């Protein structure tokens, strides 16, 4: 049994099947791909969705059974009696202990990237890591003109190049990205970070570094920067404070005395690259007589 249909889970399932194991992949949501779909939401990041589609296609080619909308628990594991469990249950958003985080205008970055919630015209994104940058770009692009429309207007000389550039980069939201350290996107790869920083500037995303959010208020939030407290007004506050591993089944596997491996973010939160390698290596380590 492979539990979790993200990058690590799909890679592990494929590796196990190609090594001769009988594999069934279980995913709690309605689709495979996990956080790849979150990473693919900002402009210019569609390759992450392509990776998900490619892995899903490989699962179909290998004829690996996939069970969607299925939350694996002790009773299901006891019923299936697998020889081994590979746990790739991913991560959950980290919710920092900020006063006011439960106010109605506060939401999580994952819900924003999945278009599950609406946001106001003036939005603060707390956290300048990869997810925070992706969320800021995703929001800043709202209301900008599509590439197809820009091409049509350009070909027909309906607007000047300067006007078209403004239409392509000026959205309907004003976005502010707030990071506690002095560097935005410090864990993002060099070339990717360079491109994303260029996008932040082009889309007029305001960045505030070296600022700690001390409180979320009904009208926005308060930050501490340089020893001074400053109040800022926002319609919506988006929390993108990172993620923590989610692995509720390891103890159940131990209780049932079933051999198990943990892979991907369920073991340690990392990149998609890390998840591919982690899923592969975990699958290689399974030996069944």
Protein backbone atom coordinates (compact mmCIF):
# COMPACT_ATOMS: atom_id res chain seq x y z
CA UNK A 1 0.00 0.00 0.00
CA UNK A 2 1.30 3.43 -0.97
CA UNK A 3 -0.55 6.14 0.95
CA UNK A 4 -0.41 9.59 -0.62
CA UNK A 5 -0.63 10.56 -4.28
CA UNK A 6 1.84 13.43 -4.40
CA UNK A 7 5.26 13.38 -6.02
CA UNK A 8 6.83 11.02 -3.49
CA UNK A 9 3.86 8.66 -3.45
CA UNK A 10 3.55 8.40 -7.23
CA UNK A 11 7.30 7.94 -7.66
CA UNK A 12 7.34 5.27 -4.94
CA UNK A 13 4.38 3.43 -6.47
CA UNK A 14 6.02 3.39 -9.90
CA UNK A 15 9.34 2.20 -8.48
CA UNK A 16 7.71 -0.57 -6.45
CA UNK A 17 5.68 -1.79 -9.42
CA UNK A 18 8.73 -1.83 -11.70
CA UNK A 19 10.55 -3.94 -9.12
CA UNK A 20 7.82 -6.58 -9.20
CA UNK A 21 5.66 -5.62 -6.22
CA UNK A 22 1.87 -5.56 -6.38
CA UNK A 23 0.98 -1.96 -5.59
CA UNK A 24 -2.16 0.01 -4.80
CA UNK A 25 -1.93 3.80 -4.43
CA UNK A 26 -4.36 5.58 -2.10
CA UNK A 27 -5.03 9.33 -2.20
CA UNK A 28 -7.36 11.17 0.18
CA UNK A 29 -8.31 13.95 -2.27
CA UNK A 30 -10.05 13.88 -5.63
CA UNK A 31 -6.87 14.07 -7.70
CA UNK A 32 -3.23 13.08 -7.76
CA UNK A 33 -0.37 15.55 -7.65
CA UNK A 34 -0.54 17.01 -4.15
CA UNK A 35 1.39 20.24 -3.77
CA UNK A 36 2.45 20.21 -7.43
CA UNK A 37 -0.88 21.88 -8.17
CA UNK A 38 -0.12 24.61 -5.63
CA UNK A 39 3.31 25.19 -7.16
CA UNK A 40 1.75 25.35 -10.64
CA UNK A 41 -0.76 28.09 -9.72
CA UNK A 42 1.48 31.20 -10.09
CA UNK A 43 2.31 32.57 -13.56
CA UNK A 44 4.99 30.70 -15.47
CA UNK A 45 4.96 27.61 -13.25
CA UNK A 46 2.86 25.20 -15.33
CA UNK A 47 5.74 22.71 -15.54
CA UNK A 48 4.78 21.47 -12.07
CA UNK A 49 1.33 20.49 -13.33
CA UNK A 50 3.03 18.81 -16.29
CA UNK A 51 5.13 16.74 -13.89
CA UNK A 52 1.97 15.61 -12.12
CA UNK A 53 0.33 14.69 -15.42
CA UNK A 54 3.44 12.77 -16.51
CA UNK A 55 3.61 10.73 -13.31
CA UNK A 56 -0.12 10.01 -13.49
CA UNK A 57 0.28 8.84 -17.08
CA UNK A 58 3.08 6.50 -16.03
CA UNK A 59 0.83 5.03 -13.33
CA UNK A 60 -1.77 4.29 -16.00
CA UNK A 61 0.82 2.71 -18.30
CA UNK A 62 2.02 0.48 -15.46
CA UNK A 63 -1.64 -0.36 -14.66
CA UNK A 64 -1.20 0.55 -11.00
CA UNK A 65 -4.58 0.72 -9.21
CA UNK A 66 -5.31 4.19 -7.82
CA UNK A 67 -7.98 4.80 -5.18
CA UNK A 68 -9.00 8.47 -4.90
CA UNK A 69 -11.11 10.14 -2.20
CA UNK A 70 -9.95 7.51 0.26
CA UNK A 71 -8.62 8.38 3.70
CA UNK A 72 -6.54 5.44 4.86
CA UNK A 73 -6.99 4.52 8.52
CA UNK A 74 -6.31 1.59 10.84
CA UNK A 75 -9.40 -0.33 9.79
CA UNK A 76 -8.52 -0.18 6.08
CA UNK A 77 -4.93 -1.21 6.71
CA UNK A 78 -6.12 -4.11 8.89
CA UNK A 79 -8.53 -5.16 6.16
CA UNK A 80 -6.00 -5.02 3.32
CA UNK A 81 -3.16 -6.62 5.35
CA UNK A 82 -0.32 -5.28 3.17
CA UNK A 83 3.15 -6.78 3.36
CA UNK A 84 4.53 -3.24 3.46
CA UNK A 85 3.30 0.31 3.78
CA UNK A 86 4.89 3.29 2.06
CA UNK A 87 3.70 6.46 3.74
CA UNK A 88 3.84 9.62 1.63
CA UNK A 89 1.11 11.60 3.35
CA UNK A 90 2.79 14.94 2.74
CA UNK A 91 2.67 18.04 4.90
CA UNK A 92 0.21 20.47 6.42
CA UNK A 93 0.44 24.27 6.53
CA UNK A 94 2.20 25.65 9.57
CA UNK A 95 -0.01 27.99 11.57
CA UNK A 96 2.13 30.43 13.56
CA UNK A 97 1.04 31.66 16.98
CA UNK A 98 0.13 35.18 15.92
CA UNK A 99 -2.61 36.96 17.89
CA UNK A 100 -5.62 37.52 15.63
CA UNK A 101 -4.86 34.64 13.25
CA UNK A 102 -8.42 33.38 13.69
CA UNK A 103 -10.02 36.61 12.45
CA UNK A 104 -12.39 36.20 9.45
CA UNK A 105 -10.21 38.11 6.96
CA UNK A 106 -7.26 35.75 7.56
CA UNK A 107 -6.76 32.74 5.30
CA UNK A 108 -4.08 30.23 4.37
CA UNK A 109 -1.85 30.31 1.30
CA UNK A 110 -2.82 26.79 0.20
CA UNK A 111 -6.51 27.73 0.11
CA UNK A 112 -5.66 30.84 -1.92
CA UNK A 113 -3.56 28.89 -4.45
CA UNK A 114 -6.37 26.36 -4.85
CA UNK A 115 -8.87 29.21 -5.41
CA UNK A 116 -10.95 28.02 -2.47
CA UNK A 117 -11.28 31.50 -0.96
CA UNK A 118 -11.72 35.05 -2.12
CA UNK A 119 -9.37 37.89 -1.26
CA UNK A 120 -9.76 41.66 -1.09
CA UNK A 121 -8.07 44.34 -3.16
CA UNK A 122 -5.27 45.01 -0.66
CA UNK A 123 -3.64 41.78 0.49
CA UNK A 124 -0.79 41.00 2.86
CA UNK A 125 1.09 37.72 2.51
CA UNK A 126 2.93 36.70 5.69
CA UNK A 127 6.01 34.65 4.86
CA UNK A 128 8.56 35.21 2.10
CA UNK A 129 9.48 31.58 1.49
CA UNK A 130 8.66 29.65 -1.67
CA UNK A 131 4.94 29.36 -0.96
CA UNK A 132 4.71 33.00 0.08
CA UNK A 133 6.37 34.17 -3.13
CA UNK A 134 4.16 31.87 -5.21
CA UNK A 135 1.05 33.16 -3.44
CA UNK A 136 2.04 36.80 -3.91
CA UNK A 137 2.62 36.23 -7.64
CA UNK A 138 -0.65 34.32 -7.98
CA UNK A 139 -2.60 37.17 -6.37
CA UNK A 140 -0.73 39.95 -8.17
CA UNK A 141 -1.57 38.43 -11.56
CA UNK A 142 -5.30 38.60 -10.84
CA UNK A 143 -6.87 41.10 -13.20
CA UNK A 144 -3.91 41.31 -15.58
CA UNK A 145 -4.57 40.80 -19.28
CA UNK A 146 -3.90 37.33 -20.69
CA UNK A 147 -1.03 36.64 -23.09
CA UNK A 148 -3.50 35.70 -25.80
CA UNK A 149 -5.34 39.03 -25.52
CA UNK A 150 -2.07 40.98 -25.42
CA UNK A 151 -0.95 39.23 -28.61
CA UNK A 152 -4.24 40.05 -30.33
CA UNK A 153 -3.99 43.74 -29.39
CA UNK A 154 -0.33 43.88 -30.40
CA UNK A 155 -0.88 42.28 -33.81
CA UNK A 156 -3.77 44.61 -34.52
CA UNK A 157 -1.82 47.63 -33.20
CA UNK A 158 -4.72 48.49 -30.92
CA UNK A 159 -2.45 49.78 -28.15
CA UNK A 160 1.11 50.97 -27.76
CA UNK A 161 3.73 48.50 -26.44
CA UNK A 162 3.96 50.59 -23.26
CA UNK A 163 0.21 50.35 -22.69
CA UNK A 164 0.23 46.61 -23.35
CA UNK A 165 3.05 46.11 -20.85
CA UNK A 166 1.01 47.92 -18.21
CA UNK A 167 -2.06 45.81 -18.99
CA UNK A 168 0.01 42.64 -18.66
CA UNK A 169 1.56 43.62 -15.32
CA UNK A 170 -1.05 45.70 -13.50
CA UNK A 171 -3.64 43.56 -11.75
CA UNK A 172 -6.72 44.28 -9.67
CA UNK A 173 -4.97 43.70 -6.32
CA UNK A 174 -2.26 45.46 -4.37
CA UNK A 175 -0.07 42.80 -2.76
CA UNK A 176 2.46 43.16 0.04
CA UNK A 177 4.84 40.29 0.89
CA UNK A 178 6.18 40.38 4.46
CA UNK A 179 9.23 38.34 5.51
CA UNK A 180 10.78 38.15 8.99
CA UNK A 181 14.34 37.58 7.70
CA UNK A 182 16.30 39.90 5.45
CA UNK A 183 15.91 37.80 2.29
CA UNK A 184 12.90 36.84 0.19
CA UNK A 185 12.83 33.26 -1.13
CA UNK A 186 16.06 32.19 0.52
CA UNK A 187 15.34 28.46 0.06
CA UNK A 188 14.41 28.78 -3.62
CA UNK A 189 17.02 27.68 -6.21
CA UNK A 190 19.20 30.48 -7.58
CA UNK A 191 17.89 30.61 -11.16
CA UNK A 192 14.27 30.10 -10.13
CA UNK A 193 14.56 32.74 -7.42
CA UNK A 194 16.06 35.23 -9.89
CA UNK A 195 13.10 34.81 -12.21
CA UNK A 196 10.54 35.00 -9.41
CA UNK A 197 12.11 38.15 -7.97
CA UNK A 198 11.89 39.72 -11.43
CA UNK A 199 8.23 38.74 -11.57
CA UNK A 200 7.56 40.27 -8.15
CA UNK A 201 9.00 43.56 -9.35
CA UNK A 202 7.18 43.47 -12.69
CA UNK A 203 3.85 42.77 -10.99
CA UNK A 204 4.43 45.59 -8.49
CA UNK A 205 4.44 43.37 -5.40
CA UNK A 206 5.68 45.35 -2.40
CA UNK A 207 8.22 43.40 -0.32
CA UNK A 208 8.97 44.12 3.33
CA UNK A 209 11.91 42.25 4.89
CA UNK A 210 13.26 42.16 8.42
CA UNK A 211 9.72 42.61 9.72
CA UNK A 212 7.96 40.47 12.31
CA UNK A 213 4.18 40.34 12.35
CA UNK A 214 3.24 40.84 16.00
CA UNK A 215 -0.52 40.99 15.69
CA UNK A 216 -3.29 40.69 13.13
CA UNK A 217 -5.99 43.30 13.62
CA UNK A 218 -9.50 43.72 12.28
CA UNK A 219 -8.21 46.27 9.77
CA UNK A 220 -4.89 44.61 8.84
CA UNK A 221 -1.84 43.84 10.94
CA UNK A 222 0.98 45.25 13.01
CA UNK A 223 4.65 44.64 12.26
CA UNK A 224 7.82 45.22 14.23
CA UNK A 225 10.71 46.50 12.13
CA UNK A 226 13.86 48.14 13.43
CA UNK A 227 12.48 48.12 16.95
CA UNK A 228 9.38 50.11 15.95
CA UNK A 229 5.76 48.93 15.73
CA UNK A 230 3.83 49.95 12.63
CA UNK A 231 0.17 49.36 11.80
CA UNK A 232 -0.72 48.47 8.20
CA UNK A 233 -4.18 48.29 6.66
CA UNK A 234 -5.19 45.26 4.55
CA UNK A 235 -8.46 43.77 3.37
CA UNK A 236 -7.09 40.20 3.53
CA UNK A 237 -4.18 38.60 5.36
CA UNK A 238 -2.75 35.40 3.86
CA UNK A 239 -0.57 33.18 6.04
CA UNK A 240 2.27 31.42 4.18
CA UNK A 241 4.47 30.47 7.13
CA UNK A 242 5.70 27.15 5.74
CA UNK A 243 4.67 23.57 6.34
CA UNK A 244 5.17 20.71 8.77
CA UNK A 245 5.32 16.98 8.07
CA UNK A 246 2.05 15.07 8.31
CA UNK A 247 2.47 11.41 9.13
CA UNK A 248 -0.41 10.00 11.20
CA UNK A 249 -0.02 6.38 10.07
CA UNK A 250 3.47 5.44 11.29
CA UNK A 251 2.22 4.64 14.78
CA UNK A 252 -0.58 2.54 13.32
CA UNK A 253 1.92 0.60 11.21
CA UNK A 254 3.99 -0.04 14.33
CA UNK A 255 0.92 -1.14 16.27
CA UNK A 256 -0.08 -3.59 13.53
CA UNK A 257 3.54 -4.76 13.14
CA UNK A 258 3.64 -3.90 9.44
CA UNK A 259 6.90 -3.02 7.69
CA UNK A 260 6.73 0.61 6.59
CA UNK A 261 8.73 3.43 5.01
CA UNK A 262 8.12 7.18 5.11
CA UNK A 263 8.91 9.38 2.10
CA UNK A 264 8.60 12.93 0.84
CA UNK A 265 7.28 15.75 3.00
CA UNK A 266 5.85 13.22 5.45
CA UNK A 267 9.46 12.49 6.41
CA UNK A 268 10.98 15.94 5.90
CA UNK A 269 9.53 18.97 4.16
CA UNK A 270 11.51 19.66 0.99
CA UNK A 271 11.32 20.39 -2.73
CA UNK A 272 9.67 18.41 -5.52
CA UNK A 273 13.17 17.26 -6.45
CA UNK A 274 13.63 15.92 -2.91
CA UNK A 275 10.26 14.16 -3.07
CA UNK A 276 11.12 12.34 -6.31
CA UNK A 277 14.38 11.04 -4.87
CA UNK A 278 12.85 10.28 -1.48
CA UNK A 279 10.02 8.25 -2.98
CA UNK A 280 12.43 6.35 -5.21
CA UNK A 281 14.87 5.53 -2.41
CA UNK A 282 12.12 4.48 -0.01
CA UNK A 283 10.71 2.10 -2.61
CA UNK A 284 14.15 0.62 -3.28
CA UNK A 285 14.56 -0.19 0.41
CA UNK A 286 11.49 -2.45 0.53
CA UNK A 287 12.36 -6.14 0.50
CA UNK A 288 9.62 -8.74 0.51
CA UNK A 289 10.45 -12.44 0.49
